Amino acid sequence: MQPFPEEMLFHVASDPHEIENLAQSKKPEHQEALQRLRVAMETWIIESGDRGHIPEPPEVVAPFLKEMHDWFGTPDWAKGQ
């Protein structure tokens, strides 16, 4: 299991299992869709007051990390964070 890329874009009609990430595609139609969705996301963040871009303090995160580790283990890629 690897961390998710920063952006993902899928054509769910032709790729319902979301296998091919089109975010890095050079096709103009993919880049136009990506730009349109970026603007929609930024608008939603502002209008909703979403604070997901602000990291939680370590003391808030620590109990959740411990619980996830106890249940599932910690993947190697996450141990250095």
PDB file of N, CA and C in Angstrom:
ATOM      1  N   MET A   1       0.841  -1.172   0.000  1.00  0.00           N
ATOM      2  CA  MET A   1       0.000   0.000   0.000  1.00  0.00           C
ATOM      3  C   MET A   1       0.885   1.233   0.000  1.00  0.00           C
ATOM      4  N   GLN A   2       0.587   2.169  -0.868  1.00  0.00           N
ATOM      5  CA  GLN A   2       1.345   3.407  -0.992  1.00  0.00           C
ATOM      6  C   GLN A   2       0.455   4.591  -0.642  1.00  0.00           C
ATOM      7  N   PRO A   3       1.037   5.711  -0.224  1.00  0.00           N
ATOM      8  CA  PRO A   3       0.221   6.904   0.013  1.00  0.00           C
ATOM      9  C   PRO A   3      -0.445   7.341  -1.289  1.00  0.00           C
ATOM     10  N   PHE A   4      -1.607   7.947  -1.162  1.00  0.00           N
ATOM     11  CA  PHE A   4      -2.288   8.462  -2.342  1.00  0.00           C
ATOM     12  C   PHE A   4      -1.525   9.644  -2.917  1.00  0.00           C
ATOM     13  N   PRO A   5      -1.570   9.822  -4.246  1.00  0.00           N
ATOM     14  CA  PRO A   5      -0.981  11.029  -4.822  1.00  0.00           C
ATOM     15  C   PRO A   5      -1.778  12.259  -4.365  1.00  0.00           C
ATOM     16  N   GLU A   6      -1.175  13.428  -4.510  1.00  0.00           N
ATOM     17  CA  GLU A   6      -1.838  14.654  -4.066  1.00  0.00           C
ATOM     18  C   GLU A   6      -3.153  14.875  -4.815  1.00  0.00           C
ATOM     19  N   GLU A   7      -3.165  14.572  -6.099  1.00  0.00           N
ATOM     20  CA  GLU A   7      -4.397  14.721  -6.888  1.00  0.00           C
ATOM     21  C   GLU A   7      -4.703  13.424  -7.614  1.00  0.00           C
ATOM     22  N   MET A   8      -5.997  13.142  -7.724  1.00  0.00           N
ATOM     23  CA  MET A   8      -6.444  11.980  -8.489  1.00  0.00           C
ATOM     24  C   MET A   8      -7.624  12.405  -9.342  1.00  0.00           C
ATOM     25  N   LEU A   9      -7.664  11.890 -10.556  1.00  0.00           N
ATOM     26  CA  LEU A   9      -8.745  12.168 -11.493  1.00  0.00           C
ATOM     27  C   LEU A   9      -9.032  10.877 -12.245  1.00  0.00           C
ATOM     28  N   PHE A  10     -10.294  10.454 -12.212  1.00  0.00           N
ATOM     29  CA  PHE A  10     -10.677   9.209 -12.878  1.00  0.00           C
ATOM     30  C   PHE A  10     -11.876   9.449 -13.773  1.00  0.00           C
ATOM     31  N   HIS A  11     -11.941   8.711 -14.862  1.00  0.00           N
ATOM     32  CA  HIS A  11     -13.112   8.705 -15.726  1.00  0.00           C
ATOM     33  C   HIS A  11     -13.942   7.501 -15.291  1.00  0.00           C
ATOM     34  N   VAL A  12     -14.871   7.740 -14.353  1.00  0.00           N
ATOM     35  CA  VAL A  12     -15.547   6.627 -13.709  1.00  0.00           C
ATOM     36  C   VAL A  12     -16.498   5.868 -14.630  1.00  0.00           C
ATOM     37  N   ALA A  13     -16.923   6.473 -15.728  1.00  0.00           N
ATOM     38  CA  ALA A  13     -17.778   5.736 -16.668  1.00  0.00           C
ATOM     39  C   ALA A  13     -16.973   4.643 -17.380  1.00  0.00           C
ATOM     40  N   SER A  14     -15.751   4.967 -17.788  1.00  0.00           N
ATOM     41  CA  SER A  14     -14.939   3.965 -18.497  1.00  0.00           C
ATOM     42  C   SER A  14     -13.954   3.245 -17.577  1.00  0.00           C
ATOM     43  N   ASP A  15     -13.776   3.752 -16.363  1.00  0.00           N
ATOM     44  CA  ASP A  15     -12.847   3.162 -15.398  1.00  0.00           C
ATOM     45  C   ASP A  15     -13.527   3.137 -14.020  1.00  0.00           C
ATOM     46  N   PRO A  16     -14.602   2.322 -13.870  1.00  0.00           N
ATOM     47  CA  PRO A  16     -15.391   2.356 -12.634  1.00  0.00           C
ATOM     48  C   PRO A  16     -14.621   1.929 -11.388  1.00  0.00           C
ATOM     49  N   HIS A  17     -13.514   1.214 -11.571  1.00  0.00           N
ATOM     50  CA  HIS A  17     -12.722   0.777 -10.415  1.00  0.00           C
ATOM     51  C   HIS A  17     -11.599   1.762 -10.085  1.00  0.00           C
ATOM     52  N   GLU A  18     -11.579   2.874 -10.798  1.00  0.00           N
ATOM     53  CA  GLU A  18     -10.621   3.964 -10.553  1.00  0.00           C
ATOM     54  C   GLU A  18      -9.188   3.447 -10.511  1.00  0.00           C
ATOM     55  N   ILE A  19      -8.781   2.851 -11.624  1.00  0.00           N
ATOM     56  CA  ILE A  19      -7.450   2.263 -11.742  1.00  0.00           C
ATOM     57  C   ILE A  19      -6.465   3.266 -12.363  1.00  0.00           C
ATOM     58  N   GLU A  20      -6.890   3.956 -13.416  1.00  0.00           N
ATOM     59  CA  GLU A  20      -5.993   4.860 -14.156  1.00  0.00           C
ATOM     60  C   GLU A  20      -6.174   6.301 -13.692  1.00  0.00           C
ATOM     61  N   ASN A  21      -5.204   6.807 -12.958  1.00  0.00           N
ATOM     62  CA  ASN A  21      -5.248   8.191 -12.487  1.00  0.00           C
ATOM     63  C   ASN A  21      -4.883   9.111 -13.648  1.00  0.00           C
ATOM     64  N   LEU A  22      -5.823   9.959 -14.039  1.00  0.00           N
ATOM     65  CA  LEU A  22      -5.633  10.838 -15.192  1.00  0.00           C
ATOM     66  C   LEU A  22      -5.095  12.215 -14.806  1.00  0.00           C
ATOM     67  N   ALA A  23      -4.806  12.426 -13.549  1.00  0.00           N
ATOM     68  CA  ALA A  23      -4.358  13.749 -13.104  1.00  0.00           C
ATOM     69  C   ALA A  23      -3.058  14.173 -13.784  1.00  0.00           C
ATOM     70  N   GLN A  24      -2.205  13.242 -14.133  1.00  0.00           N
ATOM     71  CA  GLN A  24      -0.935  13.574 -14.791  1.00  0.00           C
ATOM     72  C   GLN A  24      -1.020  13.479 -16.316  1.00  0.00           C
ATOM     73  N   SER A  25      -2.204  13.176 -16.822  1.00  0.00           N
ATOM     74  CA  SER A  25      -2.390  13.056 -18.264  1.00  0.00           C
ATOM     75  C   SER A  25      -2.121  14.387 -18.945  1.00  0.00           C
ATOM     76  N   LYS A  26      -1.564  14.338 -20.137  1.00  0.00           N
ATOM     77  CA  LYS A  26      -1.301  15.550 -20.923  1.00  0.00           C
ATOM     78  C   LYS A  26      -2.466  15.896 -21.854  1.00  0.00           C
ATOM     79  N   LYS A  27      -3.491  15.039 -21.891  1.00  0.00           N
ATOM     80  CA  LYS A  27      -4.631  15.297 -22.779  1.00  0.00           C
ATOM     81  C   LYS A  27      -5.361  16.563 -22.320  1.00  0.00           C
ATOM     82  N   PRO A  28      -5.650  17.463 -23.253  1.00  0.00           N
ATOM     83  CA  PRO A  28      -6.315  18.722 -22.886  1.00  0.00           C
ATOM     84  C   PRO A  28      -7.631  18.516 -22.145  1.00  0.00           C
ATOM     85  N   GLU A  29      -8.415  17.535 -22.549  1.00  0.00           N
ATOM     86  CA  GLU A  29      -9.707  17.318 -21.888  1.00  0.00           C
ATOM     87  C   GLU A  29      -9.530  16.890 -20.428  1.00  0.00           C
ATOM     88  N   HIS A  30      -8.459  16.162 -20.128  1.00  0.00           N
ATOM     89  CA  HIS A  30      -8.196  15.761 -18.746  1.00  0.00           C
ATOM     90  C   HIS A  30      -7.718  16.958 -17.929  1.00  0.00           C
ATOM     91  N   GLN A  31      -6.846  17.772 -18.516  1.00  0.00           N
ATOM     92  CA  GLN A  31      -6.349  18.954 -17.812  1.00  0.00           C
ATOM     93  C   GLN A  31      -7.464  19.979 -17.590  1.00  0.00           C
ATOM     94  N   GLU A  32      -8.382  20.113 -18.547  1.00  0.00           N
ATOM     95  CA  GLU A  32      -9.528  21.021 -18.376  1.00  0.00           C
ATOM     96  C   GLU A  32     -10.431  20.536 -17.242  1.00  0.00           C
ATOM     97  N   ALA A  33     -10.701  19.239 -17.207  1.00  0.00           N
ATOM     98  CA  ALA A  33     -11.536  18.686 -16.132  1.00  0.00           C
ATOM     99  C   ALA A  33     -10.854  18.875 -14.785  1.00  0.00           C
ATOM    100  N   LEU A  34      -9.559  18.635 -14.738  1.00  0.00           N
ATOM    101  CA  LEU A  34      -8.809  18.791 -13.491  1.00  0.00           C
ATOM    102  C   LEU A  34      -8.861  20.235 -13.002  1.00  0.00           C
ATOM    103  N   GLN A  35      -8.684  21.187 -13.905  1.00  0.00           N
ATOM    104  CA  GLN A  35      -8.736  22.598 -13.528  1.00  0.00           C
ATOM    105  C   GLN A  35     -10.134  22.985 -13.041  1.00  0.00           C
ATOM    106  N   ARG A  36     -11.159  22.515 -13.725  1.00  0.00           N
ATOM    107  CA  ARG A  36     -12.552  22.816 -13.337  1.00  0.00           C
ATOM    108  C   ARG A  36     -12.843  22.247 -11.941  1.00  0.00           C
ATOM    109  N   LEU A  37     -12.360  21.041 -11.670  1.00  0.00           N
ATOM    110  CA  LEU A  37     -12.592  20.420 -10.373  1.00  0.00           C
ATOM    111  C   LEU A  37     -11.765  21.073  -9.264  1.00  0.00           C
ATOM    112  N   ARG A  38     -10.568  21.554  -9.600  1.00  0.00           N
ATOM    113  CA  ARG A  38      -9.777  22.298  -8.612  1.00  0.00           C
ATOM    114  C   ARG A  38     -10.521  23.554  -8.152  1.00  0.00           C
ATOM    115  N   VAL A  39     -11.072  24.287  -9.129  1.00  0.00           N
ATOM    116  CA  VAL A  39     -11.816  25.510  -8.809  1.00  0.00           C
ATOM    117  C   VAL A  39     -13.049  25.169  -7.974  1.00  0.00           C
ATOM    118  N   ALA A  40     -13.750  24.114  -8.344  1.00  0.00           N
ATOM    119  CA  ALA A  40     -14.932  23.708  -7.579  1.00  0.00           C
ATOM    120  C   ALA A  40     -14.550  23.337  -6.147  1.00  0.00           C
ATOM    121  N   MET A  41     -13.435  22.648  -5.968  1.00  0.00           N
ATOM    122  CA  MET A  41     -12.984  22.264  -4.630  1.00  0.00           C
ATOM    123  C   MET A  41     -12.609  23.494  -3.807  1.00  0.00           C
ATOM    124  N   GLU A  42     -11.863  24.409  -4.405  1.00  0.00           N
ATOM    125  CA  GLU A  42     -11.483  25.630  -3.685  1.00  0.00           C
ATOM    126  C   GLU A  42     -12.717  26.433  -3.276  1.00  0.00           C
ATOM    127  N   THR A  43     -13.691  26.513  -4.166  1.00  0.00           N
ATOM    128  CA  THR A  43     -14.938  27.222  -3.862  1.00  0.00           C
ATOM    129  C   THR A  43     -15.648  26.554  -2.698  1.00  0.00           C
ATOM    130  N   TRP A  44     -15.745  25.237  -2.724  1.00  0.00           N
ATOM    131  CA  TRP A  44     -16.406  24.501  -1.648  1.00  0.00           C
ATOM    132  C   TRP A  44     -15.682  24.704  -0.317  1.00  0.00           C
ATOM    133  N   ILE A  45     -14.344  24.657  -0.338  1.00  0.00           N
ATOM    134  CA  ILE A  45     -13.563  24.846   0.887  1.00  0.00           C
ATOM    135  C   ILE A  45     -13.868  26.205   1.504  1.00  0.00           C
ATOM    136  N   ILE A  46     -13.885  27.237   0.682  1.00  0.00           N
ATOM    137  CA  ILE A  46     -14.143  28.591   1.178  1.00  0.00           C
ATOM    138  C   ILE A  46     -15.582  28.731   1.669  1.00  0.00           C
ATOM    139  N   GLU A  47     -16.536  28.279   0.863  1.00  0.00           N
ATOM    140  CA  GLU A  47     -17.944  28.440   1.222  1.00  0.00           C
ATOM    141  C   GLU A  47     -18.347  27.626   2.441  1.00  0.00           C
ATOM    142  N   SER A  48     -17.736  26.466   2.625  1.00  0.00           N
ATOM    143  CA  SER A  48     -18.120  25.594   3.737  1.00  0.00           C
ATOM    144  C   SER A  48     -17.310  25.857   5.004  1.00  0.00           C
ATOM    145  N   GLY A  49     -16.235  26.629   4.869  1.00  0.00           N
ATOM    146  CA  GLY A  49     -15.370  26.852   6.022  1.00  0.00           C
ATOM    147  C   GLY A  49     -14.551  25.622   6.383  1.00  0.00           C
ATOM    148  N   ASP A  50     -14.353  24.728   5.431  1.00  0.00           N
ATOM    149  CA  ASP A  50     -13.586  23.512   5.671  1.00  0.00           C
ATOM    150  C   ASP A  50     -12.192  23.863   6.186  1.00  0.00           C
ATOM    151  N   ARG A  51     -11.755  23.170   7.208  1.00  0.00           N
ATOM    152  CA  ARG A  51     -10.448  23.437   7.800  1.00  0.00           C
ATOM    153  C   ARG A  51      -9.499  22.265   7.623  1.00  0.00           C
ATOM    154  N   GLY A  52      -9.772  21.407   6.656  1.00  0.00           N
ATOM    155  CA  GLY A  52      -8.954  20.225   6.439  1.00  0.00           C
ATOM    156  C   GLY A  52      -7.516  20.522   6.089  1.00  0.00           C
ATOM    157  N   HIS A  53      -7.231  21.724   5.605  1.00  0.00           N
ATOM    158  CA  HIS A  53      -5.857  22.086   5.237  1.00  0.00           C
ATOM    159  C   HIS A  53      -5.008  22.442   6.461  1.00  0.00           C
ATOM    160  N   ILE A  54      -5.653  22.569   7.631  1.00  0.00           N
ATOM    161  CA  ILE A  54      -4.939  22.898   8.862  1.00  0.00           C
ATOM    162  C   ILE A  54      -4.682  21.591   9.617  1.00  0.00           C
ATOM    163  N   PRO A  55      -3.419  21.214   9.779  1.00  0.00           N
ATOM    164  CA  PRO A  55      -3.136  19.945  10.463  1.00  0.00           C
ATOM    165  C   PRO A  55      -3.618  19.964  11.920  1.00  0.00           C
ATOM    166  N   GLU A  56      -4.083  18.811  12.366  1.00  0.00           N
ATOM    167  CA  GLU A  56      -4.477  18.663  13.769  1.00  0.00           C
ATOM    168  C   GLU A  56      -3.220  18.656  14.637  1.00  0.00           C
ATOM    169  N   PRO A  57      -3.312  19.133  15.871  1.00  0.00           N
ATOM    170  CA  PRO A  57      -2.158  19.070  16.770  1.00  0.00           C
ATOM    171  C   PRO A  57      -1.780  17.614  17.056  1.00  0.00           C
ATOM    172  N   PRO A  58      -0.493  17.363  17.281  1.00  0.00           N
ATOM    173  CA  PRO A  58      -0.039  15.977  17.526  1.00  0.00           C
ATOM    174  C   PRO A  58      -0.787  15.281  18.656  1.00  0.00           C
ATOM    175  N   GLU A  59      -1.162  16.002  19.707  1.00  0.00           N
ATOM    176  CA  GLU A  59      -1.861  15.365  20.825  1.00  0.00           C
ATOM    177  C   GLU A  59      -3.275  14.907  20.453  1.00  0.00           C
ATOM    178  N   VAL A  60      -3.835  15.492  19.415  1.00  0.00           N
ATOM    179  CA  VAL A  60      -5.143  15.053  18.926  1.00  0.00           C
ATOM    180  C   VAL A  60      -4.980  13.825  18.035  1.00  0.00           C
ATOM    181  N   VAL A  61      -3.933  13.816  17.226  1.00  0.00           N
ATOM    182  CA  VAL A  61      -3.706  12.733  16.265  1.00  0.00           C
ATOM    183  C   VAL A  61      -3.193  11.459  16.931  1.00  0.00           C
ATOM    184  N   ALA A  62      -2.365  11.592  17.957  1.00  0.00           N
ATOM    185  CA  ALA A  62      -1.687  10.438  18.568  1.00  0.00           C
ATOM    186  C   ALA A  62      -2.611   9.289  18.961  1.00  0.00           C
ATOM    187  N   PRO A  63      -3.761   9.540  19.631  1.00  0.00           N
ATOM    188  CA  PRO A  63      -4.614   8.399  19.996  1.00  0.00           C
ATOM    189  C   PRO A  63      -5.166   7.654  18.780  1.00  0.00           C
ATOM    190  N   PHE A  64      -5.441   8.376  17.700  1.00  0.00           N
ATOM    191  CA  PHE A  64      -5.956   7.730  16.494  1.00  0.00           C
ATOM    192  C   PHE A  64      -4.873   6.907  15.814  1.00  0.00           C
ATOM    193  N   LEU A  65      -3.642   7.426  15.786  1.00  0.00           N
ATOM    194  CA  LEU A  65      -2.542   6.663  15.210  1.00  0.00           C
ATOM    195  C   LEU A  65      -2.296   5.380  15.995  1.00  0.00           C
ATOM    196  N   LYS A  66      -2.359   5.473  17.310  1.00  0.00           N
ATOM    197  CA  LYS A  66      -2.159   4.289  18.151  1.00  0.00           C
ATOM    198  C   LYS A  66      -3.247   3.256  17.889  1.00  0.00           C
ATOM    199  N   GLU A  67      -4.500   3.717  17.841  1.00  0.00           N
ATOM    200  CA  GLU A  67      -5.599   2.783  17.595  1.00  0.00           C
ATOM    201  C   GLU A  67      -5.450   2.108  16.236  1.00  0.00           C
ATOM    202  N   MET A  68      -5.102   2.883  15.208  1.00  0.00           N
ATOM    203  CA  MET A  68      -4.912   2.292  13.881  1.00  0.00           C
ATOM    204  C   MET A  68      -3.747   1.306  13.887  1.00  0.00           C
ATOM    205  N   HIS A  69      -2.661   1.658  14.590  1.00  0.00           N
ATOM    206  CA  HIS A  69      -1.525   0.746  14.675  1.00  0.00           C
ATOM    207  C   HIS A  69      -1.924  -0.548  15.391  1.00  0.00           C
ATOM    208  N   ASP A  70      -2.656  -0.408  16.504  1.00  0.00           N
ATOM    209  CA  ASP A  70      -3.073  -1.590  17.261  1.00  0.00           C
ATOM    210  C   ASP A  70      -3.966  -2.504  16.435  1.00  0.00           C
ATOM    211  N   TRP A  71      -4.796  -1.911  15.596  1.00  0.00           N
ATOM    212  CA  TRP A  71      -5.717  -2.720  14.789  1.00  0.00           C
ATOM    213  C   TRP A  71      -5.054  -3.298  13.547  1.00  0.00           C
ATOM    214  N   PHE A  72      -4.273  -2.470  12.849  1.00  0.00           N
ATOM    215  CA  PHE A  72      -3.802  -2.857  11.516  1.00  0.00           C
ATOM    216  C   PHE A  72      -2.290  -2.876  11.352  1.00  0.00           C
ATOM    217  N   GLY A  73      -1.546  -2.349  12.326  1.00  0.00           N
ATOM    218  CA  GLY A  73      -0.108  -2.181  12.146  1.00  0.00           C
ATOM    219  C   GLY A  73       0.157  -0.858  11.432  1.00  0.00           C
ATOM    220  N   THR A  74       1.410  -0.478  11.387  1.00  0.00           N
ATOM    221  CA  THR A  74       1.799   0.760  10.718  1.00  0.00           C
ATOM    222  C   THR A  74       2.639   0.405   9.509  1.00  0.00           C
ATOM    223  N   PRO A  75       2.225   0.846   8.301  1.00  0.00           N
ATOM    224  CA  PRO A  75       3.018   0.533   7.106  1.00  0.00           C
ATOM    225  C   PRO A  75       4.382   1.222   7.172  1.00  0.00           C
ATOM    226  N   ASP A  76       5.359   0.613   6.541  1.00  0.00           N
ATOM    227  CA  ASP A  76       6.724   1.144   6.564  1.00  0.00           C
ATOM    228  C   ASP A  76       6.786   2.593   6.094  1.00  0.00           C
ATOM    229  N   TRP A  77       6.004   2.939   5.051  1.00  0.00           N
ATOM    230  CA  TRP A  77       6.087   4.298   4.515  1.00  0.00           C
ATOM    231  C   TRP A  77       5.582   5.337   5.506  1.00  0.00           C
ATOM    232  N   ALA A  78       4.774   4.943   6.501  1.00  0.00           N
ATOM    233  CA  ALA A  78       4.217   5.901   7.446  1.00  0.00           C
ATOM    234  C   ALA A  78       5.049   6.018   8.714  1.00  0.00           C
ATOM    235  N   LYS A  79       5.983   5.127   8.918  1.00  0.00           N
ATOM    236  CA  LYS A  79       6.755   5.130  10.162  1.00  0.00           C
ATOM    237  C   LYS A  79       7.661   6.347  10.311  1.00  0.00           C
ATOM    238  N   GLY A  80       8.106   6.922   9.201  1.00  0.00           N
ATOM    239  CA  GLY A  80       9.003   8.069   9.261  1.00  0.00           C
ATOM    240  C   GLY A  80       8.298   9.394   9.445  1.00  0.00           C
ATOM    241  N   GLN A  81       6.969   9.392   9.497  1.00  0.00           N
ATOM    242  CA  GLN A  81       6.224  10.654   9.582  1.00  0.00           C
ATOM    243  C   GLN A  81       5.987  11.072  10.999  1.00  0.00           C
TER     244      GLN A  81
END
